[in-house]
Full PDB file with SEQRES, HELIX, SHEET, SSBOND, CRYST1, ORIGX, SCALE, CONECT and MASTER records, all heavy atoms in Angstrom:
SEQRES   1 A   37  GLY TYR ILE TYR LEU LYS GLN GLY ARG GLY ARG ASP LYS          
SEQRES   2 A   37  HIS ILE PHE LEU THR GLU SER GLY ARG HIS PHE THR GLU          
SEQRES   3 A   37  LYS HIS ILE ILE PRO VAL VAL GLN LYS GLU ASN                  
HELIX    1 AA1 GLU A   19  PHE A   24  1                                   6    
HELIX    2 AA2 THR A   25  ILE A   29  3                                   5    
HELIX    3 AA3 ILE A   30  GLU A   36  1                                   7    
SHEET    1 AA1 2 ILE A   3  GLN A   7  0                                        
SHEET    2 AA1 2 LYS A  13  LEU A  17 -1                                        
CRYST1    1.000    1.000    1.000  90.00  90.00  90.00 P 1           1          
ORIGX1      1.000000  0.000000  0.000000        0.00000                         
ORIGX2      0.000000  1.000000  0.000000        0.00000                         
ORIGX3      0.000000  0.000000  1.000000        0.00000                         
SCALE1      1.000000  0.000000  0.000000        0.00000                         
SCALE2      0.000000  1.000000  0.000000        0.00000                         
SCALE3      0.000000  0.000000  1.000000        0.00000                         
ATOM      1  N   GLY A   1    -178.674 -25.192   0.688  1.00  0.00           N  
ATOM      2  CA  GLY A   1    -177.309 -25.430   0.238  1.00  0.00           C  
ATOM      3  C   GLY A   1    -176.479 -26.356   1.118  1.00  0.00           C  
ATOM      4  O   GLY A   1    -175.255 -26.400   0.999  1.00  0.00           O  
ATOM      5  N   TYR A   2    -177.125 -27.124   1.967  1.00  0.00           N  
ATOM      6  CA  TYR A   2    -176.403 -28.031   2.854  1.00  0.00           C  
ATOM      7  C   TYR A   2    -176.207 -29.433   2.263  1.00  0.00           C  
ATOM      8  O   TYR A   2    -175.268 -30.144   2.663  1.00  0.00           O  
ATOM      9  CB  TYR A   2    -177.129 -28.179   4.201  1.00  0.00           C  
ATOM     10  CG  TYR A   2    -177.067 -26.956   5.062  1.00  0.00           C  
ATOM     11  CD1 TYR A   2    -178.218 -26.257   5.367  1.00  0.00           C  
ATOM     12  CD2 TYR A   2    -175.861 -26.508   5.585  1.00  0.00           C  
ATOM     13  CE1 TYR A   2    -178.183 -25.115   6.177  1.00  0.00           C  
ATOM     14  CE2 TYR A   2    -175.796 -25.377   6.389  1.00  0.00           C  
ATOM     15  CZ  TYR A   2    -176.978 -24.690   6.674  1.00  0.00           C  
ATOM     16  OH  TYR A   2    -176.913 -23.585   7.473  1.00  0.00           O  
ATOM     17  N   ILE A   3    -177.101 -29.826   1.369  1.00  0.00           N  
ATOM     18  CA  ILE A   3    -177.022 -31.154   0.793  1.00  0.00           C  
ATOM     19  C   ILE A   3    -177.325 -31.062  -0.700  1.00  0.00           C  
ATOM     20  O   ILE A   3    -177.881 -30.064  -1.187  1.00  0.00           O  
ATOM     21  CB  ILE A   3    -178.001 -32.184   1.435  1.00  0.00           C  
ATOM     22  CG1 ILE A   3    -179.442 -31.759   1.231  1.00  0.00           C  
ATOM     23  CG2 ILE A   3    -177.676 -32.382   2.905  1.00  0.00           C  
ATOM     24  CD1 ILE A   3    -180.479 -32.809   1.644  1.00  0.00           C  
ATOM     25  N   TYR A   4    -176.939 -32.110  -1.429  1.00  0.00           N  
ATOM     26  CA  TYR A   4    -177.374 -32.263  -2.809  1.00  0.00           C  
ATOM     27  C   TYR A   4    -177.705 -33.722  -3.043  1.00  0.00           C  
ATOM     28  O   TYR A   4    -177.271 -34.596  -2.292  1.00  0.00           O  
ATOM     29  CB  TYR A   4    -176.319 -31.754  -3.808  1.00  0.00           C  
ATOM     30  CG  TYR A   4    -175.019 -32.496  -3.831  1.00  0.00           C  
ATOM     31  CD1 TYR A   4    -174.795 -33.521  -4.734  1.00  0.00           C  
ATOM     32  CD2 TYR A   4    -174.000 -32.194  -2.930  1.00  0.00           C  
ATOM     33  CE1 TYR A   4    -173.604 -34.223  -4.764  1.00  0.00           C  
ATOM     34  CE2 TYR A   4    -172.801 -32.876  -2.945  1.00  0.00           C  
ATOM     35  CZ  TYR A   4    -172.603 -33.889  -3.868  1.00  0.00           C  
ATOM     36  OH  TYR A   4    -171.419 -34.582  -3.872  1.00  0.00           O  
ATOM     37  N   LEU A   5    -178.503 -33.969  -4.059  1.00  0.00           N  
ATOM     38  CA  LEU A   5    -178.985 -35.310  -4.362  1.00  0.00           C  
ATOM     39  C   LEU A   5    -178.397 -35.797  -5.675  1.00  0.00           C  
ATOM     40  O   LEU A   5    -178.212 -35.002  -6.616  1.00  0.00           O  
ATOM     41  CB  LEU A   5    -180.503 -35.321  -4.453  1.00  0.00           C  
ATOM     42  CG  LEU A   5    -181.273 -34.757  -3.255  1.00  0.00           C  
ATOM     43  CD1 LEU A   5    -182.754 -34.702  -3.532  1.00  0.00           C  
ATOM     44  CD2 LEU A   5    -180.999 -35.571  -2.003  1.00  0.00           C  
ATOM     45  N   LYS A   6    -178.123 -37.091  -5.741  1.00  0.00           N  
ATOM     46  CA  LYS A   6    -177.671 -37.728  -6.989  1.00  0.00           C  
ATOM     47  C   LYS A   6    -178.602 -38.899  -7.256  1.00  0.00           C  
ATOM     48  O   LYS A   6    -178.932 -39.657  -6.334  1.00  0.00           O  
ATOM     49  CB  LYS A   6    -176.250 -38.259  -6.857  1.00  0.00           C  
ATOM     50  CG  LYS A   6    -175.166 -37.249  -7.081  1.00  0.00           C  
ATOM     51  CD  LYS A   6    -173.833 -37.963  -7.156  1.00  0.00           C  
ATOM     52  CE  LYS A   6    -172.724 -36.967  -7.378  1.00  0.00           C  
ATOM     53  NZ  LYS A   6    -171.398 -37.637  -7.388  1.00  0.00           N  
ATOM     54  N   GLN A   7    -179.011 -39.017  -8.514  1.00  0.00           N  
ATOM     55  CA  GLN A   7    -179.899 -40.113  -8.901  1.00  0.00           C  
ATOM     56  C   GLN A   7    -179.206 -41.453  -8.738  1.00  0.00           C  
ATOM     57  O   GLN A   7    -178.063 -41.620  -9.109  1.00  0.00           O  
ATOM     58  CB  GLN A   7    -180.358 -39.926 -10.353  1.00  0.00           C  
ATOM     59  CG  GLN A   7    -181.416 -40.884 -10.813  1.00  0.00           C  
ATOM     60  CD  GLN A   7    -182.732 -40.677 -10.066  1.00  0.00           C  
ATOM     61  OE1 GLN A   7    -183.194 -39.576  -9.877  1.00  0.00           O  
ATOM     62  NE2 GLN A   7    -183.301 -41.782  -9.612  1.00  0.00           N  
ATOM     63  N   GLY A   8    -179.936 -42.369  -8.157  1.00  0.00           N  
ATOM     64  CA  GLY A   8    -179.464 -43.749  -8.002  1.00  0.00           C  
ATOM     65  C   GLY A   8    -180.266 -44.651  -8.900  1.00  0.00           C  
ATOM     66  O   GLY A   8    -180.814 -44.193  -9.920  1.00  0.00           O  
ATOM     67  N   ARG A   9    -180.404 -45.895  -8.520  1.00  0.00           N  
ATOM     68  CA  ARG A   9    -181.213 -46.832  -9.310  1.00  0.00           C  
ATOM     69  C   ARG A   9    -182.689 -46.557  -9.096  1.00  0.00           C  
ATOM     70  O   ARG A   9    -183.133 -46.290  -7.981  1.00  0.00           O  
ATOM     71  CB  ARG A   9    -180.917 -48.265  -8.908  1.00  0.00           C  
ATOM     72  CG  ARG A   9    -179.565 -48.748  -9.411  1.00  0.00           C  
ATOM     73  CD  ARG A   9    -179.421 -50.233  -9.341  1.00  0.00           C  
ATOM     74  NE  ARG A   9    -179.362 -50.637  -7.933  1.00  0.00           N  
ATOM     75  CZ  ARG A   9    -179.371 -51.885  -7.528  1.00  0.00           C  
ATOM     76  NH1 ARG A   9    -179.424 -52.848  -8.404  1.00  0.00           N  
ATOM     77  NH2 ARG A   9    -179.299 -52.177  -6.243  1.00  0.00           N  
ATOM     78  N   GLY A  10    -183.448 -46.622 -10.164  1.00  0.00           N  
ATOM     79  CA  GLY A  10    -184.882 -46.401 -10.075  1.00  0.00           C  
ATOM     80  C   GLY A  10    -185.183 -45.014  -9.519  1.00  0.00           C  
ATOM     81  O   GLY A  10    -184.702 -44.028 -10.008  1.00  0.00           O  
ATOM     82  N   ARG A  11    -186.000 -44.989  -8.474  1.00  0.00           N  
ATOM     83  CA  ARG A  11    -186.384 -43.721  -7.865  1.00  0.00           C  
ATOM     84  C   ARG A  11    -185.462 -43.314  -6.721  1.00  0.00           C  
ATOM     85  O   ARG A  11    -185.662 -42.258  -6.104  1.00  0.00           O  
ATOM     86  CB  ARG A  11    -187.825 -43.832  -7.353  1.00  0.00           C  
ATOM     87  CG  ARG A  11    -188.824 -44.035  -8.494  1.00  0.00           C  
ATOM     88  CD  ARG A  11    -190.218 -44.267  -8.009  1.00  0.00           C  
ATOM     89  NE  ARG A  11    -190.703 -43.105  -7.237  1.00  0.00           N  
ATOM     90  CZ  ARG A  11    -191.832 -43.095  -6.568  1.00  0.00           C  
ATOM     91  NH1 ARG A  11    -192.598 -44.156  -6.559  1.00  0.00           N  
ATOM     92  NH2 ARG A  11    -192.201 -42.025  -5.913  1.00  0.00           N  
ATOM     93  N   ASP A  12    -184.474 -44.139  -6.426  1.00  0.00           N  
ATOM     94  CA  ASP A  12    -183.554 -43.869  -5.325  1.00  0.00           C  
ATOM     95  C   ASP A  12    -182.695 -42.635  -5.628  1.00  0.00           C  
ATOM     96  O   ASP A  12    -182.189 -42.486  -6.725  1.00  0.00           O  
ATOM     97  CB  ASP A  12    -182.604 -45.044  -5.073  1.00  0.00           C  
ATOM     98  CG  ASP A  12    -183.298 -46.227  -4.414  1.00  0.00           C  
ATOM     99  OD1 ASP A  12    -184.404 -46.056  -3.873  1.00  0.00           O  
ATOM    100  OD2 ASP A  12    -182.717 -47.327  -4.458  1.00  0.00           O  
ATOM    101  N   LYS A  13    -182.582 -41.800  -4.599  1.00  0.00           N  
ATOM    102  CA  LYS A  13    -181.684 -40.653  -4.700  1.00  0.00           C  
ATOM    103  C   LYS A  13    -180.736 -40.674  -3.517  1.00  0.00           C  
ATOM    104  O   LYS A  13    -181.157 -40.836  -2.377  1.00  0.00           O  
ATOM    105  CB  LYS A  13    -182.472 -39.326  -4.715  1.00  0.00           C  
ATOM    106  CG  LYS A  13    -183.247 -39.144  -5.988  1.00  0.00           C  
ATOM    107  CD  LYS A  13    -183.765 -37.774  -6.155  1.00  0.00           C  
ATOM    108  CE  LYS A  13    -184.477 -37.717  -7.499  1.00  0.00           C  
ATOM    109  NZ  LYS A  13    -185.300 -36.551  -7.629  1.00  0.00           N  
ATOM    110  N   HIS A  14    -179.442 -40.556  -3.828  1.00  0.00           N  
ATOM    111  CA  HIS A  14    -178.432 -40.555  -2.805  1.00  0.00           C  
ATOM    112  C   HIS A  14    -178.230 -39.124  -2.302  1.00  0.00           C  
ATOM    113  O   HIS A  14    -178.251 -38.184  -3.078  1.00  0.00           O  
ATOM    114  CB  HIS A  14    -177.119 -41.117  -3.349  1.00  0.00           C  
ATOM    115  CG  HIS A  14    -177.226 -42.544  -3.751  1.00  0.00           C  
ATOM    116  ND1 HIS A  14    -177.026 -43.580  -2.868  1.00  0.00           N  
ATOM    117  CD2 HIS A  14    -177.563 -43.117  -4.934  1.00  0.00           C  
ATOM    118  CE1 HIS A  14    -177.217 -44.727  -3.503  1.00  0.00           C  
ATOM    119  NE2 HIS A  14    -177.543 -44.470  -4.740  1.00  0.00           N  
ATOM    120  N   ILE A  15    -178.040 -38.988  -1.006  1.00  0.00           N  
ATOM    121  CA  ILE A  15    -177.939 -37.693  -0.370  1.00  0.00           C  
ATOM    122  C   ILE A  15    -176.481 -37.457   0.042  1.00  0.00           C  
ATOM    123  O   ILE A  15    -175.860 -38.300   0.689  1.00  0.00           O  
ATOM    124  CB  ILE A  15    -178.856 -37.609   0.868  1.00  0.00           C  
ATOM    125  CG1 ILE A  15    -180.289 -37.968   0.466  1.00  0.00           C  
ATOM    126  CG2 ILE A  15    -178.782 -36.242   1.516  1.00  0.00           C  
ATOM    127  CD1 ILE A  15    -181.184 -38.326   1.630  1.00  0.00           C  
ATOM    128  N   PHE A  16    -175.977 -36.276  -0.320  1.00  0.00           N  
ATOM    129  CA  PHE A  16    -174.583 -35.909  -0.042  1.00  0.00           C  
ATOM    130  C   PHE A  16    -174.555 -34.543   0.621  1.00  0.00           C  
ATOM    131  O   PHE A  16    -175.361 -33.680   0.307  1.00  0.00           O  
ATOM    132  CB  PHE A  16    -173.763 -35.869  -1.330  1.00  0.00           C  
ATOM    133  CG  PHE A  16    -173.615 -37.189  -2.016  1.00  0.00           C  
ATOM    134  CD1 PHE A  16    -174.594 -37.609  -2.912  1.00  0.00           C  
ATOM    135  CD2 PHE A  16    -172.526 -37.999  -1.752  1.00  0.00           C  
ATOM    136  CE1 PHE A  16    -174.473 -38.849  -3.558  1.00  0.00           C  
ATOM    137  CE2 PHE A  16    -172.410 -39.232  -2.384  1.00  0.00           C  
ATOM    138  CZ  PHE A  16    -173.374 -39.656  -3.287  1.00  0.00           C  
ATOM    139  N   LEU A  17    -173.573 -34.354   1.483  1.00  0.00           N  
ATOM    140  CA  LEU A  17    -173.342 -33.040   2.085  1.00  0.00           C  
ATOM    141  C   LEU A  17    -172.571 -32.165   1.116  1.00  0.00           C  
ATOM    142  O   LEU A  17    -171.644 -32.634   0.455  1.00  0.00           O  
ATOM    143  CB  LEU A  17    -172.546 -33.179   3.380  1.00  0.00           C  
ATOM    144  CG  LEU A  17    -173.242 -33.846   4.560  1.00  0.00           C  
ATOM    145  CD1 LEU A  17    -172.219 -34.132   5.672  1.00  0.00           C  
ATOM    146  CD2 LEU A  17    -174.359 -32.971   5.098  1.00  0.00           C  
ATOM    147  N   THR A  18    -172.952 -30.912   1.052  1.00  0.00           N  
ATOM    148  CA  THR A  18    -172.161 -29.923   0.306  1.00  0.00           C  
ATOM    149  C   THR A  18    -171.018 -29.477   1.234  1.00  0.00           C  
ATOM    150  O   THR A  18    -170.926 -29.900   2.391  1.00  0.00           O  
ATOM    151  CB  THR A  18    -172.999 -28.687  -0.051  1.00  0.00           C  
ATOM    152  OG1 THR A  18    -173.418 -28.067   1.174  1.00  0.00           O  
ATOM    153  CG2 THR A  18    -174.206 -29.054  -0.914  1.00  0.00           C  
ATOM    154  N   GLU A  19    -170.171 -28.606   0.743  1.00  0.00           N  
ATOM    155  CA  GLU A  19    -169.109 -28.073   1.589  1.00  0.00           C  
ATOM    156  C   GLU A  19    -169.711 -27.369   2.803  1.00  0.00           C  
ATOM    157  O   GLU A  19    -169.216 -27.511   3.924  1.00  0.00           O  
ATOM    158  CB  GLU A  19    -168.225 -27.099   0.776  1.00  0.00           C  
ATOM    159  CG  GLU A  19    -166.985 -26.676   1.505  1.00  0.00           C  
ATOM    160  CD  GLU A  19    -166.081 -27.838   1.889  1.00  0.00           C  
ATOM    161  OE1 GLU A  19    -165.927 -28.788   1.098  1.00  0.00           O  
ATOM    162  OE2 GLU A  19    -165.534 -27.815   3.026  1.00  0.00           O  
ATOM    163  N   SER A  20    -170.771 -26.614   2.575  1.00  0.00           N  
ATOM    164  CA  SER A  20    -171.482 -25.940   3.666  1.00  0.00           C  
ATOM    165  C   SER A  20    -172.040 -26.946   4.658  1.00  0.00           C  
ATOM    166  O   SER A  20    -171.979 -26.754   5.873  1.00  0.00           O  
ATOM    167  CB  SER A  20    -172.587 -25.053   3.083  1.00  0.00           C  
ATOM    168  OG  SER A  20    -173.287 -24.428   4.101  1.00  0.00           O  
ATOM    169  N   GLY A  21    -172.590 -28.041   4.146  1.00  0.00           N  
ATOM    170  CA  GLY A  21    -173.138 -29.098   4.990  1.00  0.00           C  
ATOM    171  C   GLY A  21    -172.052 -29.805   5.814  1.00  0.00           C  
ATOM    172  O   GLY A  21    -172.250 -30.116   6.994  1.00  0.00           O  
ATOM    173  N   ARG A  22    -170.885 -29.997   5.185  1.00  0.00           N  
ATOM    174  CA  ARG A  22    -169.768 -30.611   5.916  1.00  0.00           C  
ATOM    175  C   ARG A  22    -169.278 -29.676   7.041  1.00  0.00           C  
ATOM    176  O   ARG A  22    -168.993 -30.126   8.146  1.00  0.00           O  
ATOM    177  CB  ARG A  22    -168.618 -30.948   4.968  1.00  0.00           C  
ATOM    178  CG  ARG A  22    -168.784 -32.285   4.300  1.00  0.00           C  
ATOM    179  CD  ARG A  22    -167.527 -32.727   3.568  1.00  0.00           C  
ATOM    180  NE  ARG A  22    -167.306 -32.011   2.327  1.00  0.00           N  
ATOM    181  CZ  ARG A  22    -168.020 -32.202   1.213  1.00  0.00           C  
ATOM    182  NH1 ARG A  22    -168.997 -33.099   1.218  1.00  0.00           N  
ATOM    183  NH2 ARG A  22    -167.761 -31.542   0.138  1.00  0.00           N  
ATOM    184  N   HIS A  23    -169.211 -28.397   6.720  1.00  0.00           N  
ATOM    185  CA  HIS A  23    -168.792 -27.419   7.739  1.00  0.00           C  
ATOM    186  C   HIS A  23    -169.800 -27.416   8.917  1.00  0.00           C  
ATOM    187  O   HIS A  23    -169.396 -27.433  10.080  1.00  0.00           O  
ATOM    188  CB  HIS A  23    -168.685 -26.020   7.123  1.00  0.00           C  
ATOM    189  CG  HIS A  23    -168.351 -24.974   8.117  1.00  0.00           C  
ATOM    190  ND1 HIS A  23    -167.113 -24.868   8.714  1.00  0.00           N  
ATOM    191  CD2 HIS A  23    -169.099 -23.983   8.665  1.00  0.00           C  
ATOM    192  CE1 HIS A  23    -167.116 -23.868   9.578  1.00  0.00           C  
ATOM    193  NE2 HIS A  23    -168.308 -23.320   9.572  1.00  0.00           N  
ATOM    194  N   PHE A  24    -171.086 -27.416   8.595  1.00  0.00           N  
ATOM    195  CA  PHE A  24    -172.118 -27.434   9.643  1.00  0.00           C  
ATOM    196  C   PHE A  24    -171.972 -28.688  10.499  1.00  0.00           C  
ATOM    197  O   PHE A  24    -172.068 -28.630  11.717  1.00  0.00           O  
ATOM    198  CB  PHE A  24    -173.517 -27.378   9.001  1.00  0.00           C  
ATOM    199  CG  PHE A  24    -174.620 -27.271  10.018  1.00  0.00           C  
ATOM    200  CD1 PHE A  24    -175.082 -26.038  10.431  1.00  0.00           C  
ATOM    201  CD2 PHE A  24    -175.188 -28.414  10.561  1.00  0.00           C  
ATOM    202  CE1 PHE A  24    -176.089 -25.935  11.387  1.00  0.00           C  
ATOM    203  CE2 PHE A  24    -176.185 -28.330  11.519  1.00  0.00           C  
ATOM    204  CZ  PHE A  24    -176.643 -27.085  11.924  1.00  0.00           C  
ATOM    205  N   THR A  25    -171.763 -29.815   9.851  1.00  0.00           N  
ATOM    206  CA  THR A  25    -171.619 -31.091  10.548  1.00  0.00           C  
ATOM    207  C   THR A  25    -170.414 -31.076  11.482  1.00  0.00           C  
ATOM    208  O   THR A  25    -170.491 -31.486  12.627  1.00  0.00           O  
ATOM    209  CB  THR A  25    -171.516 -32.247   9.542  1.00  0.00           C  
ATOM    210  OG1 THR A  25    -172.714 -32.287   8.770  1.00  0.00           O  
ATOM    211  CG2 THR A  25    -171.328 -33.595  10.248  1.00  0.00           C  
ATOM    212  N   GLU A  26    -169.303 -30.571  10.992  1.00  0.00           N  
ATOM    213  CA  GLU A  26    -168.095 -30.504  11.814  1.00  0.00           C  
ATOM    214  C   GLU A  26    -168.293 -29.590  13.005  1.00  0.00           C  
ATOM    215  O   GLU A  26    -167.843 -29.902  14.117  1.00  0.00           O  
ATOM    216  CB  GLU A  26    -166.906 -30.025  10.972  1.00  0.00           C  
ATOM    217  CG  GLU A  26    -166.441 -31.070   9.967  1.00  0.00           C  
ATOM    218  CD  GLU A  26    -165.450 -30.507   8.947  1.00  0.00           C  
ATOM    219  OE1 GLU A  26    -165.010 -29.328   9.079  1.00  0.00           O  
ATOM    220  OE2 GLU A  26    -165.119 -31.253   8.016  1.00  0.00           O  
ATOM    221  N   LYS A  27    -168.946 -28.468  12.792  1.00  0.00           N  
ATOM    222  CA  LYS A  27    -169.134 -27.489  13.854  1.00  0.00           C  
ATOM    223  C   LYS A  27    -170.195 -27.915  14.874  1.00  0.00           C  
ATOM    224  O   LYS A  27    -170.031 -27.652  16.064  1.00  0.00           O  
ATOM    225  CB  LYS A  27    -169.526 -26.129  13.231  1.00  0.00           C  
ATOM    226  CG  LYS A  27    -169.668 -25.030  14.250  1.00  0.00           C  
ATOM    227  CD  LYS A  27    -169.997 -23.707  13.560  1.00  0.00           C  
ATOM    228  CE  LYS A  27    -170.166 -22.617  14.616  1.00  0.00           C  
ATOM    229  NZ  LYS A  27    -170.570 -21.357  14.027  1.00  0.00           N  
ATOM    230  N   HIS A  28    -171.273 -28.555  14.423  1.00  0.00           N  
ATOM    231  CA  HIS A  28    -172.414 -28.800  15.285  1.00  0.00           C  
ATOM    232  C   HIS A  28    -172.706 -30.265  15.590  1.00  0.00           C  
ATOM    233  O   HIS A  28    -173.053 -30.613  16.732  1.00  0.00           O  
ATOM    234  CB  HIS A  28    -173.681 -28.172  14.695  1.00  0.00           C  
ATOM    235  CG  HIS A  28    -173.606 -26.695  14.577  1.00  0.00           C  
ATOM    236  ND1 HIS A  28    -173.632 -25.850  15.649  1.00  0.00           N  
ATOM    237  CD2 HIS A  28    -173.495 -25.899  13.478  1.00  0.00           C  
ATOM    238  CE1 HIS A  28    -173.544 -24.600  15.248  1.00  0.00           C  
ATOM    239  NE2 HIS A  28    -173.466 -24.612  13.935  1.00  0.00           N  
ATOM    240  N   ILE A  29    -172.608 -31.134  14.608  1.00  0.00           N  
ATOM    241  CA  ILE A  29    -173.052 -32.519  14.799  1.00  0.00           C  
ATOM    242  C   ILE A  29    -171.967 -33.373  15.459  1.00  0.00           C  
ATOM    243  O   ILE A  29    -172.245 -34.103  16.409  1.00  0.00           O  
ATOM    244  CB  ILE A  29    -173.484 -33.151  13.455  1.00  0.00           C  
ATOM    245  CG1 ILE A  29    -174.587 -32.313  12.793  1.00  0.00           C  
ATOM    246  CG2 ILE A  29    -173.897 -34.615  13.659  1.00  0.00           C  
ATOM    247  CD1 ILE A  29    -175.843 -32.141  13.634  1.00  0.00           C  
ATOM    248  N   ILE A  30    -170.751 -33.244  14.986  1.00  0.00           N  
ATOM    249  CA  ILE A  30    -169.659 -34.044  15.561  1.00  0.00           C  
ATOM    250  C   ILE A  30    -169.505 -33.815  17.059  1.00  0.00           C  
ATOM    251  O   ILE A  30    -169.381 -34.785  17.821  1.00  0.00           O  
ATOM    252  CB  ILE A  30    -168.344 -33.839  14.777  1.00  0.00           C  
ATOM    253  CG1 ILE A  30    -168.481 -34.441  13.378  1.00  0.00           C  
ATOM    254  CG2 ILE A  30    -167.166 -34.455  15.516  1.00  0.00           C  
ATOM    255  CD1 ILE A  30    -167.302 -34.179  12.448  1.00  0.00           C  
ATOM    256  N   PRO A  31    -169.570 -32.574  17.547  1.00  0.00           N  
ATOM    257  CA  PRO A  31    -169.480 -32.392  19.001  1.00  0.00           C  
ATOM    258  C   PRO A  31    -170.623 -33.094  19.773  1.00  0.00           C  
ATOM    259  O   PRO A  31    -170.386 -33.607  20.882  1.00  0.00           O  
ATOM    260  CB  PRO A  31    -169.564 -30.871  19.193  1.00  0.00           C  
ATOM    261  CG  PRO A  31    -169.043 -30.311  17.918  1.00  0.00           C  
ATOM    262  CD  PRO A  31    -169.510 -31.274  16.849  1.00  0.00           C  
ATOM    263  N   VAL A  32    -171.813 -33.153  19.203  1.00  0.00           N  
ATOM    264  CA  VAL A  32    -172.922 -33.858  19.848  1.00  0.00           C  
ATOM    265  C   VAL A  32    -172.600 -35.360  19.926  1.00  0.00           C  
ATOM    266  O   VAL A  32    -172.778 -35.985  20.970  1.00  0.00           O  
ATOM    267  CB  VAL A  32    -174.258 -33.619  19.111  1.00  0.00           C  
ATOM    268  CG1 VAL A  32    -175.356 -34.528  19.640  1.00  0.00           C  
ATOM    269  CG2 VAL A  32    -174.667 -32.174  19.196  1.00  0.00           C  
ATOM    270  N   VAL A  33    -172.130 -35.911  18.812  1.00  0.00           N  
ATOM    271  CA  VAL A  33    -171.786 -37.343  18.789  1.00  0.00           C  
ATOM    272  C   VAL A  33    -170.681 -37.631  19.815  1.00  0.00           C  
ATOM    273  O   VAL A  33    -170.733 -38.636  20.536  1.00  0.00           O  
ATOM    274  CB  VAL A  33    -171.335 -37.785  17.367  1.00  0.00           C  
ATOM    275  CG1 VAL A  33    -170.804 -39.196  17.368  1.00  0.00           C  
ATOM    276  CG2 VAL A  33    -172.502 -37.645  16.379  1.00  0.00           C  
ATOM    277  N   GLN A  34    -169.698 -36.749  19.887  1.00  0.00           N  
ATOM    278  CA  GLN A  34    -168.612 -36.942  20.860  1.00  0.00           C  
ATOM    279  C   GLN A  34    -169.137 -36.904  22.312  1.00  0.00           C  
ATOM    280  O   GLN A  34    -168.739 -37.725  23.132  1.00  0.00           O  
ATOM    281  CB  GLN A  34    -167.536 -35.872  20.676  1.00  0.00           C  
ATOM    282  CG  GLN A  34    -166.763 -36.036  19.390  1.00  0.00           C  
ATOM    283  CD  GLN A  34    -165.870 -34.851  19.074  1.00  0.00           C  
ATOM    284  OE1 GLN A  34    -166.123 -33.706  19.491  1.00  0.00           O  
ATOM    285  NE2 GLN A  34    -164.839 -35.108  18.294  1.00  0.00           N  
ATOM    286  N   LYS A  35    -170.054 -36.013  22.583  1.00  0.00           N  
ATOM    287  CA  LYS A  35    -170.619 -35.917  23.935  1.00  0.00           C  
ATOM    288  C   LYS A  35    -171.512 -37.129  24.240  1.00  0.00           C  
ATOM    289  O   LYS A  35    -171.518 -37.620  25.371  1.00  0.00           O  
ATOM    290  CB  LYS A  35    -171.369 -34.606  24.099  1.00  0.00           C  
ATOM    291  CG  LYS A  35    -170.393 -33.418  23.956  1.00  0.00           C  
ATOM    292  CD  LYS A  35    -170.855 -32.196  24.631  1.00  0.00           C  
ATOM    293  CE  LYS A  35    -169.915 -31.034  24.422  1.00  0.00           C  
ATOM    294  NZ  LYS A  35    -168.526 -31.282  24.635  1.00  0.00           N  
ATOM    295  N   GLU A  36    -172.247 -37.610  23.242  1.00  0.00           N  
ATOM    296  CA  GLU A  36    -173.025 -38.827  23.429  1.00  0.00           C  
ATOM    297  C   GLU A  36    -172.119 -40.010  23.775  1.00  0.00           C  
ATOM    298  O   GLU A  36    -172.403 -40.775  24.687  1.00  0.00           O  
ATOM    299  CB  GLU A  36    -173.778 -39.192  22.129  1.00  0.00           C  
ATOM    300  CG  GLU A  36    -174.991 -38.409  21.836  1.00  0.00           C  
ATOM    301  CD  GLU A  36    -175.584 -38.849  20.518  1.00  0.00           C  
ATOM    302  OE1 GLU A  36    -174.834 -39.195  19.571  1.00  0.00           O  
ATOM    303  OE2 GLU A  36    -176.814 -38.848  20.432  1.00  0.00           O  
ATOM    304  N   ASN A  37    -171.044 -40.128  22.997  1.00  0.00           N  
ATOM    305  CA  ASN A  37    -170.099 -41.215  23.250  1.00  0.00           C  
ATOM    306  C   ASN A  37    -169.496 -41.120  24.645  1.00  0.00           C  
ATOM    307  O   ASN A  37    -169.384 -42.121  25.353  1.00  0.00           O  
ATOM    308  CB  ASN A  37    -168.980 -41.224  22.197  1.00  0.00           C  
ATOM    309  CG  ASN A  37    -169.430 -41.822  20.877  1.00  0.00           C  
ATOM    310  OD1 ASN A  37    -170.207 -42.761  20.843  1.00  0.00           O  
ATOM    311  ND2 ASN A  37    -168.941 -41.246  19.792  1.00  0.00           N  
TER     312      ASN A  37                                                      
MASTER        0    0    0    3    2    0    0    6  311    1    0    3          
END                                                                             
């Protein structure tokens, strides 16, 4: 439940964060990026 896919052109599928995925990113990924920076 962290991401969902939307059909693009041909076989391409676009990847999107769900609300749960956005929450996970805000809580865990953004702090890592900030510390890297």
